[in-house]
Amino acid sequence: MDVVEINELTKIYDNRLVALNTVSLKLPQGSIMGLIGPNGAGKSTALMLILGLQKPTAGSVSVFGQPMALSSGDLRSRIGFLPQSGAFPPDMSCITYLDQIGKLFGIPHELRKKRLSSLLHATDLLQASSQRIDHLSSGQRTRLGIAAALINDPDLLILDEPTVGLDPEGRAFTISLISELRRAGKTIILSTHILPDADQVCDYVAVLNQGKLIFSGPVEDMKRIAYLNTVDLTVAGEGIDVAIEAIETKQPDTQFERLGAETVRVAFQQQGDFSEALAYVLLEFSRCGVTLRAVRQVGELEDAFLKRLAEDRLRGFSRAIGKENGLAHLLQKDEAQPQETSS
């Protein structure tokens, strides 16, 4: 059974800003879907529409086999939601806050007590249960938000950027907690731009870019898109461009992309071990007076994601210049549009 089914979903704000453009996808029961994409891709809009908190311009959302709408409070009562920037009452303790959330869901007192105890233990907040929320660390607040999202024992859990701003320990604990929820059979939507997190816990991914769905399917299918072994180098020195030019001449299968003044992405086209090719790159950088500060290998999912975004940008450019009369025709058409008048 599909817990969520989205069909040709479109959301346009103010008759001009297309936040989502004919998005269709399905989320099977008991699975975790990573909703990934750069900032402004439409992830938050998609979540609001799935929750029925906004009305779509076109298309439909079904949750648990029923149409989701602004009036679907019964469906929302079966969903747990962790917003990215959740607001907590600062002077309330953890246990009091969770108890209040339980009351709002109408959970009976005895069941509420048992559930509070279980959730505080599962989220490692037992010792902090009586602390004021404004005294908690960012990781503890995230775990409190997850506990609140689970208080109603939801059939669908939606987590919006749960690991943003966490230190490595807090991030690892949160990912571990999501993995436990997966083993418990929860159906989860994980919205994130941290691709290694999605790689660790997700069964499926849906990639949004500029409101369009550019990939939807199993994580393993997404990874098959990646054909490059990729590393990011943090470097310093004036000979970076000279080194890149020399390497591209002798090793044409190696591709470079400048991500910033001191960051270079290096992609090796050969499959499998690329250590010799990387060693040559580092040696040439050193010969040109470039200091290496850090090396980070890009994961398979991240590599595939970057490739898919690049392909989508290229397709968009091709569409723009491939019209009947070319780009000039588009510009002339744009200029011919009547100007809006203010009322």
Protein backbone atom coordinates (compact mmCIF):
# COMPACT_ATOMS: atom_id res chain seq x y z
CA MET A 1 0.00 0.00 0.00
CA ASP A 2 1.18 3.53 -0.76
CA VAL A 3 0.95 5.78 2.30
CA VAL A 4 1.41 8.92 0.18
CA GLU A 5 0.45 9.34 -3.47
CA ILE A 6 1.07 12.65 -5.25
CA ASN A 7 -0.37 13.16 -8.73
CA GLU A 8 0.63 16.05 -11.03
CA LEU A 9 0.98 18.34 -8.00
CA THR A 10 1.48 22.01 -8.83
CA LYS A 11 1.74 25.05 -6.58
CA ILE A 12 1.96 28.60 -7.94
CA TYR A 13 2.21 31.61 -5.63
CA ASP A 14 0.87 35.03 -6.66
CA ASN A 15 0.12 33.74 -10.18
CA ARG A 16 3.81 33.87 -11.08
CA LEU A 17 6.12 31.91 -8.72
CA VAL A 18 6.04 28.20 -9.61
CA ALA A 19 7.09 26.44 -6.40
CA LEU A 20 6.11 22.95 -7.62
CA ASN A 21 5.59 21.89 -11.22
CA THR A 22 3.49 18.75 -11.96
CA VAL A 23 5.19 16.52 -9.37
CA SER A 24 4.07 12.88 -9.11
CA LEU A 25 5.44 10.26 -6.72
CA LYS A 26 4.44 7.44 -4.36
CA LEU A 27 5.70 6.42 -0.91
CA PRO A 28 5.23 2.71 -0.03
CA GLN A 29 4.25 1.75 3.51
CA GLY A 30 7.13 1.01 5.89
CA SER A 31 9.76 2.81 3.82
CA ILE A 32 11.80 5.99 4.17
CA MET A 33 11.86 8.49 1.33
CA GLY A 34 14.50 11.18 1.17
CA LEU A 35 13.16 14.42 -0.26
CA ILE A 36 16.35 16.11 -1.45
CA GLY A 37 17.30 19.16 -3.42
CA PRO A 38 19.05 22.53 -3.12
CA ASN A 39 17.56 25.47 -1.25
CA GLY A 40 14.49 26.79 -3.05
CA ALA A 41 13.87 23.47 -4.82
CA GLY A 42 10.31 23.18 -3.47
CA LYS A 43 10.85 20.71 -0.62
CA SER A 44 9.06 22.76 2.07
CA THR A 45 6.16 23.50 -0.27
CA ALA A 46 5.80 19.78 -1.00
CA LEU A 47 5.67 19.00 2.73
CA MET A 48 3.02 21.66 3.36
CA LEU A 49 0.88 20.20 0.58
CA ILE A 50 1.32 16.63 1.85
CA LEU A 51 0.19 17.84 5.29
CA GLY A 52 -2.79 19.61 3.75
CA LEU A 53 -1.70 22.94 5.22
CA GLN A 54 -1.75 24.61 1.80
CA LYS A 55 -4.10 24.22 -1.14
CA PRO A 56 -2.52 23.04 -4.40
CA THR A 57 -2.96 25.07 -7.57
CA ALA A 58 -3.47 21.82 -9.48
CA GLY A 59 -3.06 18.11 -8.91
CA SER A 60 -3.81 16.07 -5.82
CA VAL A 61 -2.35 14.49 -2.69
CA SER A 62 -3.69 11.27 -1.16
CA VAL A 63 -2.57 10.09 2.28
CA PHE A 64 -3.58 6.67 3.61
CA GLY A 65 -5.66 6.27 0.45
CA GLN A 66 -7.77 9.37 1.10
CA PRO A 67 -7.63 12.86 -0.45
CA MET A 68 -5.69 15.33 1.71
CA ALA A 69 -7.20 18.80 2.08
CA LEU A 70 -7.23 21.77 4.45
CA SER A 71 -10.17 20.16 6.26
CA SER A 72 -8.50 16.74 6.69
CA GLY A 73 -7.84 16.92 10.43
CA ASP A 74 -8.54 13.21 10.80
CA LEU A 75 -5.71 12.38 8.40
CA ARG A 76 -3.30 14.84 10.04
CA SER A 77 -3.95 13.19 13.42
CA ARG A 78 -2.19 10.12 12.02
CA ILE A 79 0.90 12.11 10.98
CA GLY A 80 3.87 13.23 13.06
CA PHE A 81 5.71 16.35 11.86
CA LEU A 82 9.06 17.84 12.84
CA PRO A 83 9.39 21.31 11.25
CA GLN A 84 12.85 22.62 10.43
CA SER A 85 12.59 25.60 12.77
CA GLY A 86 10.25 24.38 15.48
CA ALA A 87 9.26 26.92 18.12
CA PHE A 88 9.18 25.61 21.70
CA PRO A 89 7.83 27.37 24.81
CA PRO A 90 11.18 28.30 26.42
CA ASP A 91 10.08 28.22 30.06
CA MET A 92 8.40 24.80 29.86
CA SER A 93 10.16 21.56 30.79
CA CYS A 94 10.57 18.71 28.31
CA ILE A 95 8.14 16.41 30.06
CA THR A 96 5.52 19.13 30.51
CA TYR A 97 5.77 20.07 26.85
CA LEU A 98 5.34 16.48 25.68
CA ASP A 99 2.44 16.00 28.09
CA GLN A 100 0.70 19.06 26.62
CA ILE A 101 1.18 17.74 23.08
CA GLY A 102 -0.30 14.41 24.19
CA LYS A 103 -3.33 16.19 25.65
CA LEU A 104 -3.87 18.04 22.36
CA PHE A 105 -4.07 14.67 20.62
CA GLY A 106 -6.60 13.48 23.20
CA ILE A 107 -4.39 10.67 24.49
CA PRO A 108 -5.74 9.27 27.81
CA HIS A 109 -3.71 10.02 30.96
CA GLU A 110 -2.38 6.49 31.66
CA LEU A 111 -1.42 5.85 28.04
CA ARG A 112 0.16 9.31 27.89
CA LYS A 113 2.37 8.54 30.92
CA LYS A 114 3.61 5.29 29.39
CA ARG A 115 4.27 6.91 26.05
CA LEU A 116 6.12 9.87 27.59
CA SER A 117 8.41 7.52 29.49
CA SER A 118 9.12 5.44 26.37
CA LEU A 119 9.80 8.48 24.19
CA LEU A 120 12.06 10.22 26.71
CA HIS A 121 14.07 7.01 26.97
CA ALA A 122 14.20 6.44 23.21
CA THR A 123 15.37 10.00 22.53
CA ASP A 124 17.88 9.98 25.42
CA LEU A 125 16.11 12.81 27.24
CA LEU A 126 15.31 11.09 30.55
CA GLN A 127 17.95 13.02 32.49
CA ALA A 128 16.88 16.28 30.85
CA SER A 129 13.14 15.67 31.22
CA SER A 130 12.69 18.28 33.96
CA GLN A 131 14.98 20.89 32.36
CA ARG A 132 13.60 24.07 30.82
CA ILE A 133 13.60 23.87 27.05
CA ASP A 134 15.69 27.03 26.70
CA HIS A 135 18.48 25.24 28.61
CA LEU A 136 18.69 22.38 26.11
CA SER A 137 21.37 21.97 23.46
CA SER A 138 20.40 22.08 19.78
CA GLY A 139 20.68 18.30 19.58
CA GLN A 140 18.42 17.86 22.60
CA ARG A 141 15.84 20.20 21.07
CA THR A 142 15.86 18.19 17.86
CA ARG A 143 15.29 14.99 19.85
CA LEU A 144 12.50 16.69 21.79
CA GLY A 145 10.89 17.67 18.48
CA ILE A 146 11.11 14.07 17.27
CA ALA A 147 9.58 12.85 20.54
CA ALA A 148 6.72 15.34 20.10
CA ALA A 149 6.22 14.14 16.52
CA LEU A 150 5.92 10.56 17.80
CA ILE A 151 3.59 11.23 20.75
CA ASN A 152 0.51 10.23 18.71
CA ASP A 153 2.20 7.02 17.46
CA PRO A 154 1.84 8.24 13.86
CA ASP A 155 1.48 6.06 10.79
CA LEU A 156 3.50 8.63 8.81
CA LEU A 157 6.40 10.68 10.15
CA ILE A 158 7.64 13.79 8.31
CA LEU A 159 11.04 15.18 9.33
CA ASP A 160 12.17 18.49 7.83
CA GLU A 161 15.99 18.88 8.00
CA PRO A 162 16.34 17.09 11.38
CA THR A 163 20.16 17.13 11.37
CA VAL A 164 20.78 20.76 10.36
CA GLY A 165 22.97 22.61 12.84
CA LEU A 166 23.84 19.53 14.91
CA ASP A 167 27.35 18.59 15.96
CA PRO A 168 28.68 15.22 14.72
CA GLU A 169 27.53 13.39 17.86
CA GLY A 170 24.02 14.87 17.69
CA ARG A 171 23.76 14.14 14.00
CA ALA A 172 24.87 10.53 14.46
CA PHE A 173 22.34 10.01 17.27
CA THR A 174 19.52 11.46 15.16
CA ILE A 175 20.37 9.24 12.19
CA SER A 176 20.52 6.24 14.53
CA LEU A 177 17.10 7.15 15.92
CA ILE A 178 15.63 7.39 12.42
CA SER A 179 17.10 3.96 11.64
CA GLU A 180 15.40 2.56 14.76
CA LEU A 181 12.07 4.04 13.65
CA ARG A 182 12.57 2.40 10.27
CA ARG A 183 13.11 -0.98 11.93
CA ALA A 184 9.93 -0.37 13.95
CA GLY A 185 8.03 -0.15 10.67
CA LYS A 186 7.39 3.59 10.52
CA THR A 187 6.84 5.24 7.15
CA ILE A 188 9.01 8.36 6.99
CA ILE A 189 9.61 11.34 4.71
CA LEU A 190 13.05 12.82 5.39
CA SER A 191 13.56 16.23 3.82
CA THR A 192 17.27 17.03 3.78
CA HIS A 193 20.08 18.60 1.79
CA ILE A 194 22.67 16.52 3.71
CA LEU A 195 23.03 13.67 1.24
CA PRO A 196 25.12 11.29 3.39
CA ASP A 197 22.22 11.27 5.88
CA ALA A 198 19.77 10.25 3.17
CA ASP A 199 22.26 7.64 1.94
CA GLN A 200 22.37 6.01 5.39
CA VAL A 201 18.67 5.60 6.08
CA CYS A 202 16.54 6.04 2.94
CA ASP A 203 15.02 3.34 0.73
CA TYR A 204 13.82 5.84 -1.86
CA VAL A 205 14.77 9.35 -2.93
CA ALA A 206 12.85 12.09 -4.70
CA VAL A 207 15.04 14.85 -6.12
CA LEU A 208 13.53 18.30 -6.62
CA ASN A 209 15.17 21.12 -8.56
CA GLN A 210 13.45 24.46 -9.22
CA GLY A 211 10.07 22.90 -8.45
CA LYS A 212 10.50 19.97 -10.84
CA LEU A 213 10.88 16.32 -9.89
CA ILE A 214 14.04 15.22 -11.69
CA PHE A 215 14.33 11.75 -10.13
CA SER A 216 12.14 9.46 -8.05
CA GLY A 217 12.96 5.86 -7.19
CA PRO A 218 15.07 3.50 -5.06
CA VAL A 219 18.36 4.83 -3.69
CA GLU A 220 20.26 2.10 -5.53
CA ASP A 221 18.76 3.22 -8.85
CA MET A 222 19.85 6.77 -8.08
CA LYS A 223 23.38 5.61 -7.35
CA ARG A 224 23.61 3.88 -10.73
CA ILE A 225 23.47 7.32 -12.32
CA ALA A 226 26.87 8.08 -10.82
CA TYR A 227 29.73 7.07 -13.09
CA LEU A 228 32.48 9.23 -11.61
CA ASN A 229 34.74 8.76 -8.61
CA THR A 230 34.75 12.24 -7.12
CA VAL A 231 36.75 14.05 -4.44
CA ASP A 232 36.73 17.61 -3.16
CA LEU A 233 40.16 19.13 -2.48
CA THR A 234 40.72 22.08 -0.17
CA VAL A 235 43.87 23.78 -1.46
CA ALA A 236 45.85 27.02 -1.24
CA GLY A 237 48.36 28.63 -3.56
CA GLU A 238 48.62 30.64 -6.75
CA GLY A 239 49.42 27.68 -9.00
CA ILE A 240 46.01 25.98 -8.90
CA ASP A 241 44.97 26.87 -12.46
CA VAL A 242 48.44 26.02 -13.82
CA ALA A 243 48.28 22.60 -12.13
CA ILE A 244 44.77 21.90 -13.45
CA GLU A 245 45.80 22.78 -17.01
CA ALA A 246 48.84 20.49 -16.81
CA ILE A 247 46.81 17.59 -15.41
CA GLU A 248 44.05 17.93 -18.02
CA THR A 249 46.70 17.76 -20.77
CA LYS A 250 48.32 14.55 -19.48
CA GLN A 251 45.25 12.94 -17.86
CA PRO A 252 42.23 14.00 -20.00
CA ASP A 253 39.84 11.62 -18.22
CA THR A 254 40.17 13.76 -15.09
CA GLN A 255 37.65 16.60 -14.81
CA PHE A 256 37.93 19.67 -12.58
CA GLU A 257 35.37 22.11 -11.22
CA ARG A 258 36.26 25.17 -9.14
CA LEU A 259 33.74 25.34 -6.26
CA GLY A 260 35.39 28.34 -4.63
CA ALA A 261 38.69 30.11 -4.19
CA GLU A 262 40.14 27.16 -2.26
CA THR A 263 37.92 24.21 -3.22
CA VAL A 264 38.36 22.08 -6.33
CA ARG A 265 36.13 19.13 -7.25
CA VAL A 266 38.03 16.40 -9.11
CA ALA A 267 36.14 13.66 -10.98
CA PHE A 268 37.85 10.52 -12.30
CA GLN A 269 35.94 8.74 -15.06
CA GLN A 270 37.36 5.28 -14.46
CA GLN A 271 35.38 2.86 -12.29
CA GLY A 272 36.88 1.24 -9.20
CA ASP A 273 40.25 2.19 -7.75
CA PHE A 274 41.34 5.70 -8.74
CA SER A 275 44.17 6.07 -6.19
CA GLU A 276 46.92 6.31 -8.84
CA ALA A 277 45.07 9.02 -10.75
CA LEU A 278 44.46 10.93 -7.51
CA ALA A 279 48.12 10.56 -6.50
CA TYR A 280 49.16 12.12 -9.80
CA VAL A 281 46.79 15.07 -9.22
CA LEU A 282 48.20 15.67 -5.74
CA LEU A 283 51.78 15.37 -7.00
CA GLU A 284 51.15 17.88 -9.79
CA PHE A 285 49.48 20.30 -7.36
CA SER A 286 52.50 20.06 -5.07
CA ARG A 287 54.89 20.60 -8.00
CA CYS A 288 53.02 23.82 -8.86
CA GLY A 289 53.33 25.12 -5.30
CA VAL A 290 49.76 24.31 -4.25
CA THR A 291 49.27 23.30 -0.60
CA LEU A 292 46.75 20.54 0.11
CA ARG A 293 44.66 21.17 3.24
CA ALA A 294 41.93 18.53 3.04
CA VAL A 295 40.55 15.74 0.87
CA ARG A 296 36.89 14.68 1.01
CA GLN A 297 35.47 11.87 -1.10
CA VAL A 298 32.00 12.60 -2.45
CA GLY A 299 29.59 9.74 -1.68
CA GLU A 300 27.79 7.79 -4.39
CA LEU A 301 24.41 9.36 -3.67
CA GLU A 302 25.87 12.86 -3.58
CA ASP A 303 27.74 12.18 -6.83
CA ALA A 304 24.56 10.96 -8.52
CA PHE A 305 22.61 13.92 -7.16
CA LEU A 306 25.13 16.41 -8.54
CA LYS A 307 25.12 14.68 -11.93
CA ARG A 308 21.31 14.70 -12.07
CA LEU A 309 21.20 18.42 -11.23
CA ALA A 310 23.79 19.14 -13.92
CA GLU A 311 21.75 17.18 -16.47
CA ASP A 312 18.59 19.04 -15.49
CA ARG A 313 20.31 22.42 -15.86
CA LEU A 314 21.59 21.36 -19.29
CA ARG A 315 18.13 20.22 -20.39
CA GLY A 316 16.66 23.52 -19.22
CA PHE A 317 19.24 25.46 -21.24
CA SER A 318 18.60 23.29 -24.29
CA ARG A 319 14.87 23.88 -24.02
CA ALA A 320 15.46 27.63 -23.83
CA ILE A 321 17.65 27.82 -26.94
CA GLY A 322 15.84 25.11 -28.89
CA LYS A 323 12.60 26.99 -29.54
CA GLU A 324 11.51 27.57 -33.11
CA ASN A 325 13.20 30.95 -33.45
CA GLY A 326 15.89 30.56 -30.83
CA LEU A 327 16.65 32.57 -27.71
CA ALA A 328 16.06 35.90 -29.45
CA HIS A 329 12.48 34.82 -30.10
CA LEU A 330 12.01 34.13 -26.39
CA LEU A 331 13.38 37.50 -25.43
CA GLN A 332 11.15 39.27 -27.95
CA LYS A 333 8.16 37.35 -26.65
CA ASP A 334 9.07 38.34 -23.11
CA GLU A 335 9.35 41.99 -24.06
CA ALA A 336 5.99 41.87 -25.81
CA GLN A 337 4.17 40.90 -22.61
CA PRO A 338 2.01 43.72 -21.21
CA GLN A 339 3.38 45.32 -18.08
CA GLU A 340 1.45 44.77 -14.86
CA THR A 341 -0.23 47.85 -13.48
CA SER A 342 -0.48 48.47 -9.79
CA SER A 343 -3.96 48.90 -8.41
